[in-house]
């Protein structure tokens, strides 16, 4: 229940040839922030980045490869 978030507020997309992920605001009224800064176009996400949508804060965690167990 986030009254400051749009139904389609932001999207996380694959980062293309460089890998990783991009966060893109979908033209929301209240905007999207990464680490306290408003984003306006695709912004590369790094492990531990804080994404704010309305009053909700999410932490982005990149998947790390698991070591093989013998």
PDB file of N, CA and C in Angstrom:
ATOM      1  N   UNK A   1       0.838  -1.181   0.000  1.00  0.00           N
ATOM      2  CA  UNK A   1       0.000   0.000   0.000  1.00  0.00           C
ATOM      3  C   UNK A   1       0.882   1.243   0.000  1.00  0.00           C
ATOM      4  N   UNK A   2       1.284   1.684  -1.154  1.00  0.00           N
ATOM      5  CA  UNK A   2       2.150   2.860  -1.280  1.00  0.00           C
ATOM      6  C   UNK A   2       1.420   3.883  -2.129  1.00  0.00           C
ATOM      7  N   UNK A   3       0.852   4.910  -1.480  1.00  0.00           N
ATOM      8  CA  UNK A   3       0.044   5.889  -2.210  1.00  0.00           C
ATOM      9  C   UNK A   3       0.864   6.857  -3.055  1.00  0.00           C
ATOM     10  N   UNK A   4       2.178   6.826  -2.934  1.00  0.00           N
ATOM     11  CA  UNK A   4       3.046   7.699  -3.744  1.00  0.00           C
ATOM     12  C   UNK A   4       3.708   6.965  -4.903  1.00  0.00           C
ATOM     13  N   UNK A   5       3.281   5.722  -5.128  1.00  0.00           N
ATOM     14  CA  UNK A   5       3.844   4.925  -6.220  1.00  0.00           C
ATOM     15  C   UNK A   5       2.788   4.718  -7.296  1.00  0.00           C
ATOM     16  N   UNK A   6       3.199   4.777  -8.547  1.00  0.00           N
ATOM     17  CA  UNK A   6       2.314   4.500  -9.679  1.00  0.00           C
ATOM     18  C   UNK A   6       2.175   2.996  -9.842  1.00  0.00           C
ATOM     19  N   UNK A   7       1.180   2.578 -10.593  1.00  0.00           N
ATOM     20  CA  UNK A   7       1.004   1.138 -10.839  1.00  0.00           C
ATOM     21  C   UNK A   7       2.207   0.567 -11.573  1.00  0.00           C
ATOM     22  N   UNK A   8       2.730   1.327 -12.526  1.00  0.00           N
ATOM     23  CA  UNK A   8       3.952   0.938 -13.238  1.00  0.00           C
ATOM     24  C   UNK A   8       4.935   2.083 -13.023  1.00  0.00           C
ATOM     25  N   UNK A   9       5.569   2.103 -11.876  1.00  0.00           N
ATOM     26  CA  UNK A   9       6.399   3.220 -11.428  1.00  0.00           C
ATOM     27  C   UNK A   9       7.805   3.186 -12.032  1.00  0.00           C
ATOM     28  N   UNK A  10       8.419   2.010 -11.970  1.00  0.00           N
ATOM     29  CA  UNK A  10       9.797   1.842 -12.443  1.00  0.00           C
ATOM     30  C   UNK A  10       9.977   0.390 -12.869  1.00  0.00           C
ATOM     31  N   UNK A  11      11.042   0.165 -13.633  1.00  0.00           N
ATOM     32  CA  UNK A  11      11.312  -1.190 -14.107  1.00  0.00           C
ATOM     33  C   UNK A  11      12.820  -1.448 -14.023  1.00  0.00           C
ATOM     34  N   UNK A  12      13.171  -2.695 -13.721  1.00  0.00           N
ATOM     35  CA  UNK A  12      14.576  -3.126 -13.738  1.00  0.00           C
ATOM     36  C   UNK A  12      14.762  -3.969 -14.992  1.00  0.00           C
ATOM     37  N   UNK A  13      15.758  -3.580 -15.805  1.00  0.00           N
ATOM     38  CA  UNK A  13      16.012  -4.220 -17.090  1.00  0.00           C
ATOM     39  C   UNK A  13      17.422  -4.811 -17.133  1.00  0.00           C
ATOM     40  N   UNK A  14      17.637  -5.837 -17.968  1.00  0.00           N
ATOM     41  CA  UNK A  14      19.000  -6.332 -18.163  1.00  0.00           C
ATOM     42  C   UNK A  14      19.875  -5.209 -18.714  1.00  0.00           C
ATOM     43  N   UNK A  15      21.146  -5.195 -18.330  1.00  0.00           N
ATOM     44  CA  UNK A  15      22.063  -4.110 -18.685  1.00  0.00           C
ATOM     45  C   UNK A  15      22.704  -4.199 -20.052  1.00  0.00           C
ATOM     46  N   UNK A  16      22.230  -5.071 -20.917  1.00  0.00           N
ATOM     47  CA  UNK A  16      22.773  -5.165 -22.273  1.00  0.00           C
ATOM     48  C   UNK A  16      24.120  -5.849 -22.317  1.00  0.00           C
ATOM     49  N   UNK A  17      24.959  -5.426 -23.256  1.00  0.00           N
ATOM     50  CA  UNK A  17      26.270  -6.054 -23.454  1.00  0.00           C
ATOM     51  C   UNK A  17      27.162  -5.966 -22.232  1.00  0.00           C
ATOM     52  N   UNK A  18      26.998  -4.907 -21.464  1.00  0.00           N
ATOM     53  CA  UNK A  18      27.849  -4.709 -20.288  1.00  0.00           C
ATOM     54  C   UNK A  18      27.412  -5.572 -19.101  1.00  0.00           C
ATOM     55  N   UNK A  19      26.256  -6.203 -19.202  1.00  0.00           N
ATOM     56  CA  UNK A  19      25.756  -7.030 -18.119  1.00  0.00           C
ATOM     57  C   UNK A  19      25.155  -6.197 -17.006  1.00  0.00           C
ATOM     58  N   UNK A  20      24.835  -6.849 -15.920  1.00  0.00           N
ATOM     59  CA  UNK A  20      24.229  -6.160 -14.792  1.00  0.00           C
ATOM     60  C   UNK A  20      22.791  -5.772 -15.075  1.00  0.00           C
ATOM     61  N   UNK A  21      22.314  -4.753 -14.352  1.00  0.00           N
ATOM     62  CA  UNK A  21      20.924  -4.324 -14.468  1.00  0.00           C
ATOM     63  C   UNK A  21      20.821  -2.814 -14.459  1.00  0.00           C
ATOM     64  N   UNK A  22      19.768  -2.304 -15.141  1.00  0.00           N
ATOM     65  CA  UNK A  22      19.469  -0.880 -15.179  1.00  0.00           C
ATOM     66  C   UNK A  22      18.103  -0.651 -14.536  1.00  0.00           C
ATOM     67  N   UNK A  23      17.960   0.457 -13.819  1.00  0.00           N
ATOM     68  CA  UNK A  23      16.673   0.872 -13.258  1.00  0.00           C
ATOM     69  C   UNK A  23      16.196   2.065 -14.065  1.00  0.00           C
ATOM     70  N   UNK A  24      14.939   2.017 -14.500  1.00  0.00           N
ATOM     71  CA  UNK A  24      14.391   3.110 -15.294  1.00  0.00           C
ATOM     72  C   UNK A  24      13.047   3.547 -14.720  1.00  0.00           C
ATOM     73  N   UNK A  25      12.900   4.851 -14.480  1.00  0.00           N
ATOM     74  CA  UNK A  25      11.632   5.412 -14.044  1.00  0.00           C
ATOM     75  C   UNK A  25      10.704   5.447 -15.252  1.00  0.00           C
ATOM     76  N   UNK A  26       9.445   5.085 -15.071  1.00  0.00           N
ATOM     77  CA  UNK A  26       8.496   4.995 -16.181  1.00  0.00           C
ATOM     78  C   UNK A  26       7.617   6.240 -16.293  1.00  0.00           C
ATOM     79  N   UNK A  27       8.184   7.408 -15.959  1.00  0.00           N
ATOM     80  CA  UNK A  27       7.430   8.652 -16.052  1.00  0.00           C
ATOM     81  C   UNK A  27       6.514   8.871 -14.867  1.00  0.00           C
ATOM     82  N   UNK A  28       6.885   8.347 -13.725  1.00  0.00           N
ATOM     83  CA  UNK A  28       6.053   8.460 -12.527  1.00  0.00           C
ATOM     84  C   UNK A  28       5.934   9.908 -12.067  1.00  0.00           C
ATOM     85  N   UNK A  29       4.869  10.192 -11.352  1.00  0.00           N
ATOM     86  CA  UNK A  29       4.634  11.555 -10.845  1.00  0.00           C
ATOM     87  C   UNK A  29       5.627  11.949  -9.767  1.00  0.00           C
ATOM     88  N   UNK A  30       5.957  11.011  -8.876  1.00  0.00           N
ATOM     89  CA  UNK A  30       6.812  11.322  -7.733  1.00  0.00           C
ATOM     90  C   UNK A  30       8.274  10.958  -7.934  1.00  0.00           C
ATOM     91  N   UNK A  31       8.603  10.348  -9.070  1.00  0.00           N
ATOM     92  CA  UNK A  31       9.988  10.027  -9.360  1.00  0.00           C
ATOM     93  C   UNK A  31      10.513   8.803  -8.623  1.00  0.00           C
ATOM     94  N   UNK A  32      11.706   8.422  -9.003  1.00  0.00           N
ATOM     95  CA  UNK A  32      12.417   7.281  -8.432  1.00  0.00           C
ATOM     96  C   UNK A  32      13.806   7.766  -8.065  1.00  0.00           C
ATOM     97  N   UNK A  33      14.325   7.297  -6.929  1.00  0.00           N
ATOM     98  CA  UNK A  33      15.658   7.700  -6.489  1.00  0.00           C
ATOM     99  C   UNK A  33      16.548   6.475  -6.313  1.00  0.00           C
ATOM    100  N   UNK A  34      17.819   6.662  -6.599  1.00  0.00           N
ATOM    101  CA  UNK A  34      18.843   5.658  -6.297  1.00  0.00           C
ATOM    102  C   UNK A  34      19.880   6.349  -5.428  1.00  0.00           C
ATOM    103  N   UNK A  35      20.095   5.816  -4.247  1.00  0.00           N
ATOM    104  CA  UNK A  35      21.047   6.370  -3.277  1.00  0.00           C
ATOM    105  C   UNK A  35      20.808   7.863  -3.043  1.00  0.00           C
ATOM    106  N   UNK A  36      19.515   8.258  -2.986  1.00  0.00           N
ATOM    107  CA  UNK A  36      19.158   9.632  -2.671  1.00  0.00           C
ATOM    108  C   UNK A  36      19.120  10.593  -3.837  1.00  0.00           C
ATOM    109  N   UNK A  37      19.451  10.137  -5.065  1.00  0.00           N
ATOM    110  CA  UNK A  37      19.433  11.005  -6.244  1.00  0.00           C
ATOM    111  C   UNK A  37      18.322  10.575  -7.191  1.00  0.00           C
ATOM    112  N   UNK A  38      17.538  11.548  -7.677  1.00  0.00           N
ATOM    113  CA  UNK A  38      16.489  11.242  -8.650  1.00  0.00           C
ATOM    114  C   UNK A  38      17.115  10.744  -9.950  1.00  0.00           C
ATOM    115  N   UNK A  39      16.491   9.738 -10.540  1.00  0.00           N
ATOM    116  CA  UNK A  39      16.953   9.234 -11.834  1.00  0.00           C
ATOM    117  C   UNK A  39      15.963   9.666 -12.909  1.00  0.00           C
ATOM    118  N   UNK A  40      16.453   9.857 -14.108  1.00  0.00           N
ATOM    119  CA  UNK A  40      15.605  10.304 -15.209  1.00  0.00           C
ATOM    120  C   UNK A  40      15.670   9.366 -16.399  1.00  0.00           C
ATOM    121  N   UNK A  41      16.683   8.534 -16.474  1.00  0.00           N
ATOM    122  CA  UNK A  41      16.795   7.547 -17.542  1.00  0.00           C
ATOM    123  C   UNK A  41      17.438   6.306 -16.943  1.00  0.00           C
ATOM    124  N   UNK A  42      17.715   5.310 -17.760  1.00  0.00           N
ATOM    125  CA  UNK A  42      18.292   4.066 -17.254  1.00  0.00           C
ATOM    126  C   UNK A  42      19.542   4.314 -16.421  1.00  0.00           C
ATOM    127  N   UNK A  43      19.521   3.843 -15.196  1.00  0.00           N
ATOM    128  CA  UNK A  43      20.638   4.014 -14.272  1.00  0.00           C
ATOM    129  C   UNK A  43      21.153   2.639 -13.860  1.00  0.00           C
ATOM    130  N   UNK A  44      22.451   2.407 -14.055  1.00  0.00           N
ATOM    131  CA  UNK A  44      23.051   1.116 -13.708  1.00  0.00           C
ATOM    132  C   UNK A  44      22.979   0.900 -12.206  1.00  0.00           C
ATOM    133  N   UNK A  45      22.546  -0.287 -11.818  1.00  0.00           N
ATOM    134  CA  UNK A  45      22.454  -0.634 -10.400  1.00  0.00           C
ATOM    135  C   UNK A  45      23.702  -1.386  -9.965  1.00  0.00           C
ATOM    136  N   UNK A  46      24.168  -1.067  -8.770  1.00  0.00           N
ATOM    137  CA  UNK A  46      25.309  -1.747  -8.167  1.00  0.00           C
ATOM    138  C   UNK A  46      24.851  -2.429  -6.895  1.00  0.00           C
ATOM    139  N   UNK A  47      25.563  -3.465  -6.509  1.00  0.00           N
ATOM    140  CA  UNK A  47      25.250  -4.206  -5.295  1.00  0.00           C
ATOM    141  C   UNK A  47      25.159  -3.245  -4.105  1.00  0.00           C
ATOM    142  N   UNK A  48      24.057  -3.304  -3.381  1.00  0.00           N
ATOM    143  CA  UNK A  48      23.874  -2.472  -2.197  1.00  0.00           C
ATOM    144  C   UNK A  48      23.195  -1.143  -2.453  1.00  0.00           C
ATOM    145  N   UNK A  49      22.897  -0.792  -3.721  1.00  0.00           N
ATOM    146  CA  UNK A  49      22.207   0.465  -4.011  1.00  0.00           C
ATOM    147  C   UNK A  49      20.847   0.486  -3.332  1.00  0.00           C
ATOM    148  N   UNK A  50      20.437   1.675  -2.884  1.00  0.00           N
ATOM    149  CA  UNK A  50      19.127   1.858  -2.269  1.00  0.00           C
ATOM    150  C   UNK A  50      18.208   2.538  -3.273  1.00  0.00           C
ATOM    151  N   UNK A  51      17.091   1.895  -3.565  1.00  0.00           N
ATOM    152  CA  UNK A  51      16.095   2.394  -4.514  1.00  0.00           C
ATOM    153  C   UNK A  51      14.914   2.900  -3.705  1.00  0.00           C
ATOM    154  N   UNK A  52      14.514   4.153  -3.940  1.00  0.00           N
ATOM    155  CA  UNK A  52      13.358   4.692  -3.227  1.00  0.00           C
ATOM    156  C   UNK A  52      12.231   4.987  -4.200  1.00  0.00           C
ATOM    157  N   UNK A  53      11.069   4.401  -3.896  1.00  0.00           N
ATOM    158  CA  UNK A  53       9.831   4.626  -4.644  1.00  0.00           C
ATOM    159  C   UNK A  53       8.804   5.072  -3.619  1.00  0.00           C
ATOM    160  N   UNK A  54       8.406   6.333  -3.682  1.00  0.00           N
ATOM    161  CA  UNK A  54       7.531   6.874  -2.639  1.00  0.00           C
ATOM    162  C   UNK A  54       8.258   6.840  -1.306  1.00  0.00           C
ATOM    163  N   UNK A  55       7.619   6.251  -0.303  1.00  0.00           N
ATOM    164  CA  UNK A  55       8.246   6.122   1.024  1.00  0.00           C
ATOM    165  C   UNK A  55       8.951   4.773   1.200  1.00  0.00           C
ATOM    166  N   UNK A  56       8.844   3.917   0.173  1.00  0.00           N
ATOM    167  CA  UNK A  56       9.414   2.574   0.260  1.00  0.00           C
ATOM    168  C   UNK A  56      10.860   2.588  -0.222  1.00  0.00           C
ATOM    169  N   UNK A  57      11.742   1.969   0.556  1.00  0.00           N
ATOM    170  CA  UNK A  57      13.155   1.859   0.182  1.00  0.00           C
ATOM    171  C   UNK A  57      13.490   0.382   0.002  1.00  0.00           C
ATOM    172  N   UNK A  58      14.066   0.075  -1.159  1.00  0.00           N
ATOM    173  CA  UNK A  58      14.482  -1.289  -1.500  1.00  0.00           C
ATOM    174  C   UNK A  58      15.990  -1.316  -1.629  1.00  0.00           C
ATOM    175  N   UNK A  59      16.587  -2.415  -1.259  1.00  0.00           N
ATOM    176  CA  UNK A  59      18.038  -2.575  -1.422  1.00  0.00           C
ATOM    177  C   UNK A  59      18.294  -3.572  -2.541  1.00  0.00           C
ATOM    178  N   UNK A  60      19.072  -3.148  -3.551  1.00  0.00           N
ATOM    179  CA  UNK A  60      19.408  -4.016  -4.676  1.00  0.00           C
ATOM    180  C   UNK A  60      20.599  -4.878  -4.293  1.00  0.00           C
ATOM    181  N   UNK A  61      20.467  -6.175  -4.488  1.00  0.00           N
ATOM    182  CA  UNK A  61      21.570  -7.101  -4.208  1.00  0.00           C
ATOM    183  C   UNK A  61      21.841  -7.917  -5.457  1.00  0.00           C
ATOM    184  N   UNK A  62      23.037  -7.770  -5.991  1.00  0.00           N
ATOM    185  CA  UNK A  62      23.442  -8.527  -7.170  1.00  0.00           C
ATOM    186  C   UNK A  62      23.679  -9.982  -6.772  1.00  0.00           C
ATOM    187  N   UNK A  63      23.256 -10.886  -7.634  1.00  0.00           N
ATOM    188  CA  UNK A  63      23.505 -12.302  -7.369  1.00  0.00           C
ATOM    189  C   UNK A  63      24.984 -12.590  -7.526  1.00  0.00           C
ATOM    190  N   UNK A  64      25.501 -13.367  -6.610  1.00  0.00           N
ATOM    191  CA  UNK A  64      26.916 -13.752  -6.673  1.00  0.00           C
ATOM    192  C   UNK A  64      26.975 -15.235  -7.027  1.00  0.00           C
ATOM    193  N   UNK A  65      27.910 -15.620  -7.882  1.00  0.00           N
ATOM    194  CA  UNK A  65      28.030 -17.057  -8.209  1.00  0.00           C
ATOM    195  C   UNK A  65      28.340 -17.866  -6.972  1.00  0.00           C
ATOM    196  N   UNK A  66      27.730 -19.040  -6.895  1.00  0.00           N
ATOM    197  CA  UNK A  66      27.968 -19.925  -5.755  1.00  0.00           C
ATOM    198  C   UNK A  66      29.173 -20.816  -6.058  1.00  0.00           C
ATOM    199  N   UNK A  67      29.951 -21.082  -5.022  1.00  0.00           N
ATOM    200  CA  UNK A  67      31.095 -21.979  -5.174  1.00  0.00           C
ATOM    201  C   UNK A  67      30.580 -23.417  -5.299  1.00  0.00           C
ATOM    202  N   UNK A  68      31.222 -24.175  -6.141  1.00  0.00           N
ATOM    203  CA  UNK A  68      30.853 -25.585  -6.279  1.00  0.00           C
ATOM    204  C   UNK A  68      31.328 -26.363  -5.056  1.00  0.00           C
ATOM    205  N   UNK A  69      30.461 -27.210  -4.561  1.00  0.00           N
ATOM    206  CA  UNK A  69      30.802 -28.050  -3.404  1.00  0.00           C
ATOM    207  C   UNK A  69      31.154 -29.430  -3.904  1.00  0.00           C
ATOM    208  N   UNK A  70      32.306 -29.945  -3.466  1.00  0.00           N
ATOM    209  CA  UNK A  70      32.722 -31.284  -3.892  1.00  0.00           C
ATOM    210  C   UNK A  70      32.337 -32.306  -2.862  1.00  0.00           C
TER     211      UNK A  70
END
